[in-house]
PDB file of all heavy atoms in Angstrom:
ATOM      1  N   TYR A   1       0.837  -1.204   0.000  1.00  0.00           N
ATOM      2  CA  TYR A   1       0.000   0.000   0.000  1.00  0.00           C
ATOM      3  C   TYR A   1       0.874   1.257   0.000  1.00  0.00           C
ATOM      4  O   TYR A   1       0.633   2.196  -0.760  1.00  0.00           O
ATOM      5  CB  TYR A   1      -0.904  -0.028   1.233  1.00  0.00           C
ATOM      6  CG  TYR A   1      -1.838   1.149   1.340  1.00  0.00           C
ATOM      7  CD1 TYR A   1      -3.049   1.152   0.675  1.00  0.00           C
ATOM      8  CD2 TYR A   1      -1.513   2.252   2.126  1.00  0.00           C
ATOM      9  CE1 TYR A   1      -3.917   2.225   0.777  1.00  0.00           C
ATOM     10  CE2 TYR A   1      -2.363   3.322   2.239  1.00  0.00           C
ATOM     11  CZ  TYR A   1      -3.570   3.306   1.564  1.00  0.00           C
ATOM     12  OH  TYR A   1      -4.417   4.376   1.672  1.00  0.00           O
ATOM     13  N   VAL A   2       1.895   1.257   0.846  1.00  0.00           N
ATOM     14  CA  VAL A   2       2.806   2.409   0.911  1.00  0.00           C
ATOM     15  C   VAL A   2       3.477   2.623  -0.447  1.00  0.00           C
ATOM     16  O   VAL A   2       3.573   3.758  -0.932  1.00  0.00           O
ATOM     17  CB  VAL A   2       3.861   2.211   2.028  1.00  0.00           C
ATOM     18  CG1 VAL A   2       4.955   3.258   1.955  1.00  0.00           C
ATOM     19  CG2 VAL A   2       3.180   2.245   3.402  1.00  0.00           C
ATOM     20  N   LEU A   3       3.916   1.545  -1.083  1.00  0.00           N
ATOM     21  CA  LEU A   3       4.502   1.652  -2.420  1.00  0.00           C
ATOM     22  C   LEU A   3       3.482   2.169  -3.431  1.00  0.00           C
ATOM     23  O   LEU A   3       3.786   3.029  -4.255  1.00  0.00           O
ATOM     24  CB  LEU A   3       5.039   0.297  -2.887  1.00  0.00           C
ATOM     25  CG  LEU A   3       6.291  -0.215  -2.214  1.00  0.00           C
ATOM     26  CD1 LEU A   3       6.562  -1.657  -2.629  1.00  0.00           C
ATOM     27  CD2 LEU A   3       7.474   0.671  -2.554  1.00  0.00           C
ATOM     28  N   GLY A   4       2.278   1.634  -3.378  1.00  0.00           N
ATOM     29  CA  GLY A   4       1.231   2.029  -4.312  1.00  0.00           C
ATOM     30  C   GLY A   4       0.843   3.484  -4.188  1.00  0.00           C
ATOM     31  O   GLY A   4       0.637   4.174  -5.191  1.00  0.00           O
ATOM     32  N   VAL A   5       0.738   3.979  -2.954  1.00  0.00           N
ATOM     33  CA  VAL A   5       0.393   5.380  -2.729  1.00  0.00           C
ATOM     34  C   VAL A   5       1.467   6.285  -3.314  1.00  0.00           C
ATOM     35  O   VAL A   5       1.176   7.345  -3.877  1.00  0.00           O
ATOM     36  CB  VAL A   5       0.184   5.657  -1.220  1.00  0.00           C
ATOM     37  CG1 VAL A   5       0.140   7.137  -0.926  1.00  0.00           C
ATOM     38  CG2 VAL A   5      -1.095   4.990  -0.736  1.00  0.00           C
ATOM     39  N   SER A   6       2.707   5.841  -3.234  1.00  0.00           N
ATOM     40  CA  SER A   6       3.809   6.637  -3.770  1.00  0.00           C
ATOM     41  C   SER A   6       3.699   6.841  -5.282  1.00  0.00           C
ATOM     42  O   SER A   6       4.125   7.860  -5.807  1.00  0.00           O
ATOM     43  CB  SER A   6       5.150   5.958  -3.472  1.00  0.00           C
ATOM     44  OG  SER A   6       5.308   5.788  -2.092  1.00  0.00           O
ATOM     45  N   PHE A   7       3.121   5.869  -5.974  1.00  0.00           N
ATOM     46  CA  PHE A   7       3.034   5.927  -7.434  1.00  0.00           C
ATOM     47  C   PHE A   7       1.611   6.138  -7.948  1.00  0.00           C
ATOM     48  O   PHE A   7       1.379   6.117  -9.149  1.00  0.00           O
ATOM     49  CB  PHE A   7       3.591   4.636  -8.042  1.00  0.00           C
ATOM     50  CG  PHE A   7       5.030   4.414  -7.714  1.00  0.00           C
ATOM     51  CD1 PHE A   7       5.403   3.471  -6.766  1.00  0.00           C
ATOM     52  CD2 PHE A   7       6.019   5.159  -8.330  1.00  0.00           C
ATOM     53  CE1 PHE A   7       6.730   3.271  -6.451  1.00  0.00           C
ATOM     54  CE2 PHE A   7       7.353   4.966  -8.025  1.00  0.00           C
ATOM     55  CZ  PHE A   7       7.707   4.022  -7.078  1.00  0.00           C
ATOM     56  N   GLN A   8       0.669   6.384  -7.051  1.00  0.00           N
ATOM     57  CA  GLN A   8      -0.738   6.448  -7.422  1.00  0.00           C
ATOM     58  C   GLN A   8      -1.031   7.521  -8.464  1.00  0.00           C
ATOM     59  O   GLN A   8      -1.756   7.272  -9.417  1.00  0.00           O
ATOM     60  CB  GLN A   8      -1.595   6.674  -6.175  1.00  0.00           C
ATOM     61  CG  GLN A   8      -3.070   6.619  -6.451  1.00  0.00           C
ATOM     62  CD  GLN A   8      -3.866   6.698  -5.169  1.00  0.00           C
ATOM     63  OE1 GLN A   8      -3.327   6.991  -4.114  1.00  0.00           O
ATOM     64  NE2 GLN A   8      -5.139   6.449  -5.270  1.00  0.00           N
ATOM     65  N   GLU A   9      -0.496   8.703  -8.301  1.00  0.00           N
ATOM     66  CA  GLU A   9      -0.783   9.792  -9.236  1.00  0.00           C
ATOM     67  C   GLU A   9      -0.282   9.475 -10.635  1.00  0.00           C
ATOM     68  O   GLU A   9      -0.900   9.850 -11.623  1.00  0.00           O
ATOM     69  CB  GLU A   9      -0.155  11.092  -8.736  1.00  0.00           C
ATOM     70  CG  GLU A   9      -0.842  11.661  -7.520  1.00  0.00           C
ATOM     71  CD  GLU A   9      -0.214  12.968  -7.069  1.00  0.00           C
ATOM     72  OE1 GLU A   9       0.420  13.652  -7.892  1.00  0.00           O
ATOM     73  OE2 GLU A   9      -0.367  13.289  -5.881  1.00  0.00           O
ATOM     74  N   ILE A  10       0.833   8.784 -10.728  1.00  0.00           N
ATOM     75  CA  ILE A  10       1.443   8.485 -12.017  1.00  0.00           C
ATOM     76  C   ILE A  10       0.595   7.506 -12.829  1.00  0.00           C
ATOM     77  O   ILE A  10       0.453   7.657 -14.038  1.00  0.00           O
ATOM     78  CB  ILE A  10       2.869   7.914 -11.816  1.00  0.00           C
ATOM     79  CG1 ILE A  10       3.756   8.940 -11.101  1.00  0.00           C
ATOM     80  CG2 ILE A  10       3.486   7.484 -13.130  1.00  0.00           C
ATOM     81  CD1 ILE A  10       5.083   8.394 -10.634  1.00  0.00           C
ATOM     82  N   ILE A  11       0.014   6.505 -12.170  1.00  0.00           N
ATOM     83  CA  ILE A  11      -0.662   5.454 -12.916  1.00  0.00           C
ATOM     84  C   ILE A  11      -2.150   5.291 -12.580  1.00  0.00           C
ATOM     85  O   ILE A  11      -2.733   4.250 -12.847  1.00  0.00           O
ATOM     86  CB  ILE A  11       0.071   4.110 -12.723  1.00  0.00           C
ATOM     87  CG1 ILE A  11       0.267   3.786 -11.258  1.00  0.00           C
ATOM     88  CG2 ILE A  11       1.363   4.083 -13.456  1.00  0.00           C
ATOM     89  CD1 ILE A  11       0.953   2.473 -11.006  1.00  0.00           C
ATOM     90  N   SER A  12      -2.780   6.337 -12.071  1.00  0.00           N
ATOM     91  CA  SER A  12      -4.182   6.226 -11.664  1.00  0.00           C
ATOM     92  C   SER A  12      -5.124   5.927 -12.831  1.00  0.00           C
ATOM     93  O   SER A  12      -6.182   5.335 -12.639  1.00  0.00           O
ATOM     94  CB  SER A  12      -4.634   7.486 -10.923  1.00  0.00           C
ATOM     95  OG  SER A  12      -4.562   8.598 -11.777  1.00  0.00           O
ATOM     96  N   SER A  13      -4.766   6.283 -14.051  1.00  0.00           N
ATOM     97  CA  SER A  13      -5.649   6.034 -15.191  1.00  0.00           C
ATOM     98  C   SER A  13      -5.689   4.560 -15.598  1.00  0.00           C
ATOM     99  O   SER A  13      -6.603   4.132 -16.301  1.00  0.00           O
ATOM    100  CB  SER A  13      -5.227   6.882 -16.390  1.00  0.00           C
ATOM    101  OG  SER A  13      -3.933   6.513 -16.815  1.00  0.00           O
ATOM    102  N   ILE A  14      -4.710   3.787 -15.153  1.00  0.00           N
ATOM    103  CA  ILE A  14      -4.697   2.363 -15.504  1.00  0.00           C
ATOM    104  C   ILE A  14      -4.698   1.457 -14.270  1.00  0.00           C
ATOM    105  O   ILE A  14      -4.440   0.264 -14.372  1.00  0.00           O
ATOM    106  CB  ILE A  14      -3.475   2.026 -16.399  1.00  0.00           C
ATOM    107  CG1 ILE A  14      -2.166   2.398 -15.703  1.00  0.00           C
ATOM    108  CG2 ILE A  14      -3.593   2.672 -17.757  1.00  0.00           C
ATOM    109  CD1 ILE A  14      -0.927   1.844 -16.369  1.00  0.00           C
ATOM    110  N   ASP A  15      -5.048   2.018 -13.114  1.00  0.00           N
ATOM    111  CA  ASP A  15      -4.973   1.246 -11.880  1.00  0.00           C
ATOM    112  C   ASP A  15      -5.856   0.010 -11.886  1.00  0.00           C
ATOM    113  O   ASP A  15      -5.482  -1.027 -11.347  1.00  0.00           O
ATOM    114  CB  ASP A  15      -5.282   2.125 -10.669  1.00  0.00           C
ATOM    115  CG  ASP A  15      -6.653   2.769 -10.723  1.00  0.00           C
ATOM    116  OD1 ASP A  15      -7.387   2.564 -11.708  1.00  0.00           O
ATOM    117  OD2 ASP A  15      -6.992   3.484  -9.766  1.00  0.00           O
ATOM    118  N   HIS A  16      -7.024   0.076 -12.523  1.00  0.00           N
ATOM    119  CA  HIS A  16      -7.920  -1.077 -12.564  1.00  0.00           C
ATOM    120  C   HIS A  16      -7.302  -2.227 -13.368  1.00  0.00           C
ATOM    121  O   HIS A  16      -7.468  -3.388 -13.028  1.00  0.00           O
ATOM    122  CB  HIS A  16      -9.284  -0.681 -13.138  1.00  0.00           C
ATOM    123  CG  HIS A  16      -9.204   0.016 -14.444  1.00  0.00           C
ATOM    124  ND1 HIS A  16      -8.779   1.327 -14.553  1.00  0.00           N
ATOM    125  CD2 HIS A  16      -9.445  -0.417 -15.696  1.00  0.00           C
ATOM    126  CE1 HIS A  16      -8.789   1.676 -15.835  1.00  0.00           C
ATOM    127  NE2 HIS A  16      -9.186   0.633 -16.543  1.00  0.00           N
ATOM    128  N   TRP A  17      -6.577  -1.887 -14.420  1.00  0.00           N
ATOM    129  CA  TRP A  17      -5.884  -2.908 -15.206  1.00  0.00           C
ATOM    130  C   TRP A  17      -4.750  -3.527 -14.394  1.00  0.00           C
ATOM    131  O   TRP A  17      -4.522  -4.733 -14.446  1.00  0.00           O
ATOM    132  CB  TRP A  17      -5.339  -2.321 -16.515  1.00  0.00           C
ATOM    133  CG  TRP A  17      -6.423  -2.098 -17.521  1.00  0.00           C
ATOM    134  CD1 TRP A  17      -7.012  -0.915 -17.846  1.00  0.00           C
ATOM    135  CD2 TRP A  17      -7.066  -3.093 -18.313  1.00  0.00           C
ATOM    136  NE1 TRP A  17      -7.972  -1.102 -18.797  1.00  0.00           N
ATOM    137  CE2 TRP A  17      -8.029  -2.444 -19.111  1.00  0.00           C
ATOM    138  CE3 TRP A  17      -6.917  -4.470 -18.439  1.00  0.00           C
ATOM    139  CZ2 TRP A  17      -8.843  -3.126 -20.007  1.00  0.00           C
ATOM    140  CZ3 TRP A  17      -7.726  -5.147 -19.334  1.00  0.00           C
ATOM    141  CH2 TRP A  17      -8.674  -4.478 -20.103  1.00  0.00           C
ATOM    142  N   ILE A  18      -4.040  -2.699 -13.638  1.00  0.00           N
ATOM    143  CA  ILE A  18      -2.946  -3.203 -12.801  1.00  0.00           C
ATOM    144  C   ILE A  18      -3.493  -4.167 -11.757  1.00  0.00           C
ATOM    145  O   ILE A  18      -2.950  -5.255 -11.557  1.00  0.00           O
ATOM    146  CB  ILE A  18      -2.173  -2.041 -12.138  1.00  0.00           C
ATOM    147  CG1 ILE A  18      -1.428  -1.239 -13.210  1.00  0.00           C
ATOM    148  CG2 ILE A  18      -1.208  -2.560 -11.072  1.00  0.00           C
ATOM    149  CD1 ILE A  18      -0.819   0.053 -12.714  1.00  0.00           C
ATOM    150  N   ALA A  19      -4.594  -3.786 -11.103  1.00  0.00           N
ATOM    151  CA  ALA A  19      -5.210  -4.653 -10.099  1.00  0.00           C
ATOM    152  C   ALA A  19      -5.628  -5.981 -10.728  1.00  0.00           C
ATOM    153  O   ALA A  19      -5.352  -7.063 -10.184  1.00  0.00           O
ATOM    154  CB  ALA A  19      -6.411  -3.966  -9.461  1.00  0.00           C
ATOM    155  N   PHE A  20      -6.285  -5.912 -11.877  1.00  0.00           N
ATOM    156  CA  PHE A  20      -6.734  -7.118 -12.569  1.00  0.00           C
ATOM    157  C   PHE A  20      -5.552  -8.014 -12.951  1.00  0.00           C
ATOM    158  O   PHE A  20      -5.557  -9.213 -12.695  1.00  0.00           O
ATOM    159  CB  PHE A  20      -7.536  -6.735 -13.819  1.00  0.00           C
ATOM    160  CG  PHE A  20      -7.822  -7.890 -14.740  1.00  0.00           C
ATOM    161  CD1 PHE A  20      -8.682  -8.899 -14.358  1.00  0.00           C
ATOM    162  CD2 PHE A  20      -7.215  -7.965 -15.982  1.00  0.00           C
ATOM    163  CE1 PHE A  20      -8.945  -9.971 -15.197  1.00  0.00           C
ATOM    164  CE2 PHE A  20      -7.471  -9.027 -16.831  1.00  0.00           C
ATOM    165  CZ  PHE A  20      -8.342 -10.038 -16.439  1.00  0.00           C
ATOM    166  N   ILE A  21      -4.524  -7.427 -13.533  1.00  0.00           N
ATOM    167  CA  ILE A  21      -3.363  -8.205 -13.986  1.00  0.00           C
ATOM    168  C   ILE A  21      -2.620  -8.823 -12.801  1.00  0.00           C
ATOM    169  O   ILE A  21      -2.304 -10.019 -12.813  1.00  0.00           O
ATOM    170  CB  ILE A  21      -2.430  -7.337 -14.856  1.00  0.00           C
ATOM    171  CG1 ILE A  21      -3.114  -7.031 -16.201  1.00  0.00           C
ATOM    172  CG2 ILE A  21      -1.089  -8.024 -15.077  1.00  0.00           C
ATOM    173  CD1 ILE A  21      -2.434  -5.947 -17.022  1.00  0.00           C
ATOM    174  N   LEU A  22      -2.363  -8.031 -11.753  1.00  0.00           N
ATOM    175  CA  LEU A  22      -1.637  -8.566 -10.593  1.00  0.00           C
ATOM    176  C   LEU A  22      -2.414  -9.700  -9.917  1.00  0.00           C
ATOM    177  O   LEU A  22      -1.852 -10.759  -9.619  1.00  0.00           O
ATOM    178  CB  LEU A  22      -1.358  -7.462  -9.577  1.00  0.00           C
ATOM    179  CG  LEU A  22      -0.249  -6.474  -9.913  1.00  0.00           C
ATOM    180  CD1 LEU A  22      -0.185  -5.370  -8.871  1.00  0.00           C
ATOM    181  CD2 LEU A  22       1.088  -7.181 -10.020  1.00  0.00           C
ATOM    182  N   LEU A  23      -3.701  -9.477  -9.677  1.00  0.00           N
ATOM    183  CA  LEU A  23      -4.499 -10.508  -9.006  1.00  0.00           C
ATOM    184  C   LEU A  23      -4.626 -11.757  -9.877  1.00  0.00           C
ATOM    185  O   LEU A  23      -4.592 -12.879  -9.363  1.00  0.00           O
ATOM    186  CB  LEU A  23      -5.873  -9.965  -8.629  1.00  0.00           C
ATOM    187  CG  LEU A  23      -5.874  -8.914  -7.511  1.00  0.00           C
ATOM    188  CD1 LEU A  23      -7.262  -8.334  -7.324  1.00  0.00           C
ATOM    189  CD2 LEU A  23      -5.356  -9.498  -6.209  1.00  0.00           C
ATOM    190  N   SER A  24      -4.747 -11.574 -11.183  1.00  0.00           N
ATOM    191  CA  SER A  24      -4.839 -12.732 -12.080  1.00  0.00           C
ATOM    192  C   SER A  24      -3.532 -13.515 -12.109  1.00  0.00           C
ATOM    193  O   SER A  24      -3.536 -14.753 -12.062  1.00  0.00           O
ATOM    194  CB  SER A  24      -5.206 -12.285 -13.498  1.00  0.00           C
ATOM    195  OG  SER A  24      -6.498 -11.730 -13.502  1.00  0.00           O
ATOM    196  N   ILE A  25      -2.416 -12.815 -12.197  1.00  0.00           N
ATOM    197  CA  ILE A  25      -1.117 -13.499 -12.202  1.00  0.00           C
ATOM    198  C   ILE A  25      -0.932 -14.287 -10.907  1.00  0.00           C
ATOM    199  O   ILE A  25      -0.535 -15.460 -10.919  1.00  0.00           O
ATOM    200  CB  ILE A  25       0.039 -12.491 -12.398  1.00  0.00           C
ATOM    201  CG1 ILE A  25       0.027 -11.962 -13.839  1.00  0.00           C
ATOM    202  CG2 ILE A  25       1.390 -13.119 -12.053  1.00  0.00           C
ATOM    203  CD1 ILE A  25       0.972 -10.787 -14.071  1.00  0.00           C
ATOM    204  N   ILE A  26      -1.232 -13.642  -9.787  1.00  0.00           N
ATOM    205  CA  ILE A  26      -1.097 -14.319  -8.492  1.00  0.00           C
ATOM    206  C   ILE A  26      -2.025 -15.529  -8.429  1.00  0.00           C
ATOM    207  O   ILE A  26      -1.636 -16.619  -7.997  1.00  0.00           O
ATOM    208  CB  ILE A  26      -1.398 -13.346  -7.334  1.00  0.00           C
ATOM    209  CG1 ILE A  26      -0.343 -12.247  -7.282  1.00  0.00           C
ATOM    210  CG2 ILE A  26      -1.461 -14.096  -6.002  1.00  0.00           C
ATOM    211  CD1 ILE A  26      -0.753 -11.052  -6.445  1.00  0.00           C
ATOM    212  N   GLY A  27      -3.265 -15.351  -8.869  1.00  0.00           N
ATOM    213  CA  GLY A  27      -4.241 -16.448  -8.851  1.00  0.00           C
ATOM    214  C   GLY A  27      -3.810 -17.619  -9.708  1.00  0.00           C
ATOM    215  O   GLY A  27      -3.851 -18.784  -9.272  1.00  0.00           O
ATOM    216  N   PHE A  28      -3.372 -17.339 -10.950  1.00  0.00           N
ATOM    217  CA  PHE A  28      -2.924 -18.419 -11.834  1.00  0.00           C
ATOM    218  C   PHE A  28      -1.673 -19.104 -11.281  1.00  0.00           C
ATOM    219  O   PHE A  28      -1.516 -20.319 -11.413  1.00  0.00           O
ATOM    220  CB  PHE A  28      -2.682 -17.899 -13.251  1.00  0.00           C
ATOM    221  CG  PHE A  28      -3.960 -17.709 -14.030  1.00  0.00           C
ATOM    222  CD1 PHE A  28      -4.319 -16.458 -14.482  1.00  0.00           C
ATOM    223  CD2 PHE A  28      -4.795 -18.783 -14.301  1.00  0.00           C
ATOM    224  CE1 PHE A  28      -5.495 -16.269 -15.186  1.00  0.00           C
ATOM    225  CE2 PHE A  28      -5.971 -18.610 -15.010  1.00  0.00           C
ATOM    226  CZ  PHE A  28      -6.329 -17.350 -15.457  1.00  0.00           C
ATOM    227  N   GLN A  29      -0.794 -18.324 -10.649  1.00  0.00           N
ATOM    228  CA  GLN A  29       0.405 -18.908 -10.065  1.00  0.00           C
ATOM    229  C   GLN A  29       0.034 -19.845  -8.920  1.00  0.00           C
ATOM    230  O   GLN A  29       0.602 -20.927  -8.787  1.00  0.00           O
ATOM    231  CB  GLN A  29       1.339 -17.811  -9.563  1.00  0.00           C
ATOM    232  CG  GLN A  29       2.632 -18.344  -9.002  1.00  0.00           C
ATOM    233  CD  GLN A  29       3.578 -17.228  -8.608  1.00  0.00           C
ATOM    234  OE1 GLN A  29       3.423 -16.082  -8.986  1.00  0.00           O
ATOM    235  NE2 GLN A  29       4.580 -17.571  -7.828  1.00  0.00           N
ATOM    236  N   MET A  30      -0.935 -19.452  -8.106  1.00  0.00           N
ATOM    237  CA  MET A  30      -1.379 -20.322  -7.009  1.00  0.00           C
ATOM    238  C   MET A  30      -1.962 -21.624  -7.560  1.00  0.00           C
ATOM    239  O   MET A  30      -1.703 -22.702  -7.030  1.00  0.00           O
ATOM    240  CB  MET A  30      -2.418 -19.607  -6.141  1.00  0.00           C
ATOM    241  CG  MET A  30      -1.842 -18.561  -5.220  1.00  0.00           C
ATOM    242  SD  MET A  30      -3.108 -17.684  -4.293  1.00  0.00           S
ATOM    243  CE  MET A  30      -3.648 -18.959  -3.164  1.00  0.00           C
ATOM    244  N   ILE A  31      -2.754 -21.516  -8.627  1.00  0.00           N
ATOM    245  CA  ILE A  31      -3.346 -22.710  -9.228  1.00  0.00           C
ATOM    246  C   ILE A  31      -2.250 -23.608  -9.792  1.00  0.00           C
ATOM    247  O   ILE A  31      -2.258 -24.823  -9.591  1.00  0.00           O
ATOM    248  CB  ILE A  31      -4.370 -22.312 -10.311  1.00  0.00           C
ATOM    249  CG1 ILE A  31      -5.589 -21.641  -9.655  1.00  0.00           C
ATOM    250  CG2 ILE A  31      -4.794 -23.530 -11.130  1.00  0.00           C
ATOM    251  CD1 ILE A  31      -6.522 -20.963 -10.629  1.00  0.00           C
ATOM    252  N   ARG A  32      -1.280 -23.012 -10.488  1.00  0.00           N
ATOM    253  CA  ARG A  32      -0.172 -23.778 -11.070  1.00  0.00           C
ATOM    254  C   ARG A  32       0.647 -24.468  -9.981  1.00  0.00           C
ATOM    255  O   ARG A  32       1.020 -25.631 -10.103  1.00  0.00           O
ATOM    256  CB  ARG A  32       0.723 -22.856 -11.891  1.00  0.00           C
ATOM    257  CG  ARG A  32       1.835 -23.576 -12.637  1.00  0.00           C
ATOM    258  CD  ARG A  32       2.653 -22.640 -13.500  1.00  0.00           C
ATOM    259  NE  ARG A  32       3.145 -21.460 -12.814  1.00  0.00           N
ATOM    260  CZ  ARG A  32       4.259 -21.417 -12.077  1.00  0.00           C
ATOM    261  NH1 ARG A  32       4.985 -22.489 -11.933  1.00  0.00           N
ATOM    262  NH2 ARG A  32       4.633 -20.306 -11.494  1.00  0.00           N
ATOM    263  N   GLU A  33       0.909 -23.766  -8.889  1.00  0.00           N
ATOM    264  CA  GLU A  33       1.714 -24.326  -7.805  1.00  0.00           C
ATOM    265  C   GLU A  33       0.978 -25.400  -7.012  1.00  0.00           C
ATOM    266  O   GLU A  33       1.601 -26.165  -6.279  1.00  0.00           O
ATOM    267  CB  GLU A  33       2.174 -23.219  -6.859  1.00  0.00           C
ATOM    268  CG  GLU A  33       3.225 -22.320  -7.466  1.00  0.00           C
ATOM    269  CD  GLU A  33       3.573 -21.137  -6.575  1.00  0.00           C
ATOM    270  OE1 GLU A  33       2.948 -20.971  -5.507  1.00  0.00           O
ATOM    271  OE2 GLU A  33       4.474 -20.374  -6.958  1.00  0.00           O
ATOM    272  N   SER A  34      -0.336 -25.473  -7.162  1.00  0.00           N
ATOM    273  CA  SER A  34      -1.104 -26.466  -6.399  1.00  0.00           C
ATOM    274  C   SER A  34      -0.740 -27.893  -6.792  1.00  0.00           C
ATOM    275  O   SER A  34      -0.989 -28.824  -6.051  1.00  0.00           O
ATOM    276  CB  SER A  34      -2.600 -26.243  -6.600  1.00  0.00           C
ATOM    277  OG  SER A  34      -2.993 -26.602  -7.918  1.00  0.00           O
ATOM    278  N   LYS A  35      -0.127 -28.060  -7.949  1.00  0.00           N
ATOM    279  CA  LYS A  35       0.241 -29.390  -8.414  1.00  0.00           C
ATOM    280  C   LYS A  35       1.625 -29.822  -7.943  1.00  0.00           C
ATOM    281  O   LYS A  35       2.005 -30.969  -8.091  1.00  0.00           O
ATOM    282  CB  LYS A  35       0.179 -29.429  -9.940  1.00  0.00           C
ATOM    283  CG  LYS A  35      -1.233 -29.243 -10.470  1.00  0.00           C
ATOM    284  CD  LYS A  35      -1.203 -28.875 -11.932  1.00  0.00           C
ATOM    285  CE  LYS A  35      -2.539 -28.598 -12.541  1.00  0.00           C
ATOM    286  NZ  LYS A  35      -3.541 -27.977 -11.768  1.00  0.00           N
ATOM    287  N   GLY A  36       2.396 -28.909  -7.358  1.00  0.00           N
ATOM    288  CA  GLY A  36       3.765 -29.203  -6.922  1.00  0.00           C
ATOM    289  C   GLY A  36       3.808 -29.888  -5.580  1.00  0.00           C
ATOM    290  O   GLY A  36       2.863 -29.856  -4.804  1.00  0.00           O
ATOM    291  N   GLU A  37       4.927 -30.500  -5.324  1.00  0.00           N
ATOM    292  CA  GLU A  37       5.166 -31.158  -4.039  1.00  0.00           C
ATOM    293  C   GLU A  37       5.967 -30.228  -3.147  1.00  0.00           C
ATOM    294  O   GLU A  37       6.894 -29.576  -3.598  1.00  0.00           O
ATOM    295  CB  GLU A  37       5.959 -32.453  -4.243  1.00  0.00           C
ATOM    296  CG  GLU A  37       5.181 -33.523  -4.972  1.00  0.00           C
ATOM    297  CD  GLU A  37       4.024 -34.057  -4.172  1.00  0.00           C
ATOM    298  OE1 GLU A  37       4.184 -34.259  -2.946  1.00  0.00           O
ATOM    299  OE2 GLU A  37       2.951 -34.258  -4.754  1.00  0.00           O
TER     300      GLU A  37
END
């Protein structure tokens, strides 16, 4: 959050895309890792 607030003004026009992309990447990574030992 502290990092995000620091850069909020710079990228506020695309913040929804950033949220979507980050959460999707994390979600897909969790699903992919579920098969590992």
